[in-house]
Amino acid sequence: MTTVGEVDAMEMRTDRVRWDVVAGAAIVALALVFLVVGARMTFGSLTQMGPGFVPVCTAVILAMLGGVIVFNGLRKAPREVDLPKLRPFLVVVACPIVFSAMIGWAGMAPTVIVTALLARAAEPLEWGWDLVLVPLGLVALAVGVFIEFVGVAIPIF
């Protein structure tokens, strides 16, 4: 059983943690992993991109953004923050996994619909026209941009 003094001490320790600095440092660390992996691949040029071009460029941008988050976190006084909600985090992680798992066998339209509905589940569902119109609009946009305009060889269905 904890006493009042122990509870106050535990609360003080979590108040002193600068979660924005921790998150920014985690982003920089993740960027460094992508940078190391991408640096082992052929970089290429802007007109002839190699397999390492996108990971390296993305890692540099990600590291800069993480650095900005760390810098801004260190400039401000520590403040009490709520812990993040678990459901939105899991949905954000699940959406690209579901998309990449489905796109090969289901085609563009069903994959975009399922992914859009899954993304909508990040917050409590409120039934409305947006549950129908947003996925259909995203399908039209994805088919128009990626299949018709860019010419990606993904079947619609």
Protein backbone atom coordinates (compact mmCIF):
# COMPACT_ATOMS: atom_id res chain seq x y z
CA MET A 1 0.00 0.00 0.00
CA THR A 2 1.36 3.41 -0.94
CA THR A 3 1.29 6.44 1.30
CA VAL A 4 0.37 9.96 0.28
CA GLY A 5 4.04 10.97 0.22
CA GLU A 6 4.93 8.10 -2.13
CA VAL A 7 2.10 9.03 -4.50
CA ASP A 8 3.28 12.65 -4.54
CA ALA A 9 6.85 11.49 -5.27
CA MET A 10 5.66 9.26 -8.14
CA GLU A 11 3.62 12.11 -9.63
CA MET A 12 6.61 14.46 -9.39
CA ARG A 13 8.83 12.05 -11.28
CA THR A 14 6.38 11.74 -14.19
CA ASP A 15 5.84 15.51 -14.23
CA ARG A 16 9.56 16.05 -14.80
CA VAL A 17 9.66 13.83 -17.86
CA ARG A 18 9.58 15.93 -21.01
CA TRP A 19 7.56 13.63 -23.22
CA ASP A 20 7.97 15.85 -26.27
CA VAL A 21 11.75 15.62 -25.91
CA VAL A 22 11.51 11.84 -25.50
CA ALA A 23 9.28 11.58 -28.58
CA GLY A 24 11.58 13.83 -30.63
CA ALA A 25 14.60 11.78 -29.60
CA ALA A 26 12.77 8.58 -30.58
CA ILE A 27 12.01 10.08 -34.00
CA VAL A 28 15.66 11.02 -34.46
CA ALA A 29 16.74 7.49 -33.42
CA LEU A 30 14.30 5.93 -35.90
CA ALA A 31 15.57 8.28 -38.60
CA LEU A 32 19.14 7.20 -37.90
CA VAL A 33 18.13 3.55 -38.35
CA PHE A 34 16.59 4.36 -41.74
CA LEU A 35 19.65 6.42 -42.64
CA VAL A 36 22.03 3.55 -41.86
CA VAL A 37 19.91 1.06 -43.81
CA GLY A 38 19.44 3.45 -46.74
CA ALA A 39 23.14 4.34 -46.84
CA ARG A 40 23.95 0.70 -47.59
CA MET A 41 21.86 0.87 -50.77
CA THR A 42 22.62 2.59 -54.05
CA PHE A 43 21.56 6.24 -53.72
CA GLY A 44 21.36 7.26 -57.38
CA SER A 45 20.40 10.76 -58.47
CA LEU A 46 17.26 12.84 -58.63
CA THR A 47 16.52 11.68 -62.18
CA GLN A 48 17.70 8.07 -61.67
CA MET A 49 16.73 7.23 -58.09
CA GLY A 50 18.30 4.17 -56.55
CA PRO A 51 16.73 2.01 -53.85
CA GLY A 52 18.42 4.06 -51.12
CA PHE A 53 17.22 7.46 -52.35
CA VAL A 54 13.82 7.57 -50.62
CA PRO A 55 14.94 6.04 -47.29
CA VAL A 56 17.91 8.40 -47.01
CA CYS A 57 15.94 11.53 -47.96
CA THR A 58 13.06 10.54 -45.67
CA ALA A 59 15.49 9.83 -42.82
CA VAL A 60 17.14 13.24 -43.19
CA ILE A 61 13.77 15.03 -43.14
CA LEU A 62 12.56 12.89 -40.23
CA ALA A 63 15.74 13.61 -38.24
CA MET A 64 15.35 17.34 -38.82
CA LEU A 65 11.70 17.25 -37.68
CA GLY A 66 12.66 15.20 -34.61
CA GLY A 67 15.41 17.70 -33.85
CA VAL A 68 12.92 20.56 -34.03
CA ILE A 69 10.61 18.70 -31.64
CA VAL A 70 13.49 18.13 -29.19
CA PHE A 71 14.61 21.77 -29.45
CA ASN A 72 11.10 23.12 -28.85
CA GLY A 73 10.61 20.71 -25.96
CA LEU A 74 13.79 21.86 -24.26
CA ARG A 75 12.85 25.54 -24.64
CA LYS A 76 9.54 25.15 -22.83
CA ALA A 77 8.99 24.39 -19.17
CA PRO A 78 7.98 20.81 -18.40
CA ARG A 79 4.24 20.38 -18.13
CA GLU A 80 1.87 17.63 -17.17
CA VAL A 81 0.56 15.68 -20.14
CA ASP A 82 -2.03 13.00 -20.53
CA LEU A 83 -0.90 9.62 -21.72
CA PRO A 84 -1.80 9.01 -25.35
CA LYS A 85 -4.86 7.01 -26.26
CA LEU A 86 -4.07 3.47 -27.31
CA ARG A 87 -6.77 2.97 -29.97
CA PRO A 88 -5.63 5.78 -32.33
CA PHE A 89 -2.04 4.56 -32.04
CA LEU A 90 -3.00 0.99 -32.93
CA VAL A 91 -5.13 2.18 -35.86
CA VAL A 92 -2.29 4.30 -37.25
CA VAL A 93 0.02 1.29 -37.03
CA ALA A 94 -2.59 -1.10 -38.50
CA CYS A 95 -3.61 1.01 -41.53
CA PRO A 96 -0.39 0.67 -43.58
CA ILE A 97 -0.13 -3.01 -42.62
CA VAL A 98 -3.68 -3.70 -43.79
CA PHE A 99 -3.14 -1.64 -46.95
CA SER A 100 0.05 -3.46 -47.90
CA ALA A 101 -1.44 -6.85 -47.09
CA MET A 102 -4.57 -6.25 -49.20
CA ILE A 103 -3.37 -4.26 -52.22
CA GLY A 104 -1.82 -7.23 -54.01
CA TRP A 105 -4.86 -9.49 -54.03
CA ALA A 106 -7.87 -7.19 -53.49
CA GLY A 107 -7.08 -4.29 -55.79
CA MET A 108 -7.16 -0.53 -55.25
CA ALA A 109 -10.86 0.11 -54.57
CA PRO A 110 -11.52 -2.51 -51.84
CA THR A 111 -8.17 -1.81 -50.20
CA VAL A 112 -8.77 1.93 -49.99
CA ILE A 113 -12.31 1.40 -48.67
CA VAL A 114 -11.18 -1.00 -45.93
CA THR A 115 -8.23 1.20 -44.98
CA ALA A 116 -10.39 4.34 -44.85
CA LEU A 117 -12.97 2.61 -42.65
CA LEU A 118 -10.22 1.28 -40.40
CA ALA A 119 -8.69 4.76 -40.12
CA ARG A 120 -12.11 6.11 -39.15
CA ALA A 121 -12.10 3.68 -36.22
CA ALA A 122 -9.34 5.70 -34.52
CA GLU A 123 -12.03 7.74 -32.83
CA PRO A 124 -15.45 6.62 -31.57
CA LEU A 125 -17.72 5.93 -34.51
CA GLU A 126 -20.56 8.30 -35.17
CA TRP A 127 -22.77 7.07 -37.98
CA GLY A 128 -23.18 9.55 -40.79
CA TRP A 129 -22.69 10.13 -44.45
CA ASP A 130 -18.96 10.57 -43.97
CA LEU A 131 -18.65 6.81 -43.42
CA VAL A 132 -19.79 6.33 -47.04
CA LEU A 133 -18.65 9.47 -48.83
CA VAL A 134 -15.07 9.68 -47.57
CA PRO A 135 -14.04 6.13 -48.59
CA LEU A 136 -15.76 6.51 -51.97
CA GLY A 137 -14.07 9.87 -52.54
CA LEU A 138 -10.70 8.38 -51.61
CA VAL A 139 -11.25 5.51 -54.03
CA ALA A 140 -12.05 7.95 -56.84
CA LEU A 141 -8.98 10.02 -55.96
CA ALA A 142 -6.67 6.99 -55.67
CA VAL A 143 -7.87 5.47 -58.94
CA GLY A 144 -7.66 8.80 -60.74
CA VAL A 145 -4.21 9.73 -59.48
CA PHE A 146 -2.36 6.45 -59.15
CA ILE A 147 -3.93 4.22 -61.80
CA GLU A 148 -5.05 6.66 -64.50
CA PHE A 149 -2.59 9.57 -64.14
CA VAL A 150 0.58 7.94 -62.82
CA GLY A 151 -0.06 4.57 -64.45
CA VAL A 152 0.64 2.29 -61.49
CA ALA A 153 -0.06 -1.31 -62.47
CA ILE A 154 -2.57 -2.08 -59.70
CA PRO A 155 -5.98 -3.43 -60.67
CA ILE A 156 -8.99 -1.45 -59.53
CA PHE A 157 -10.70 -4.64 -58.25
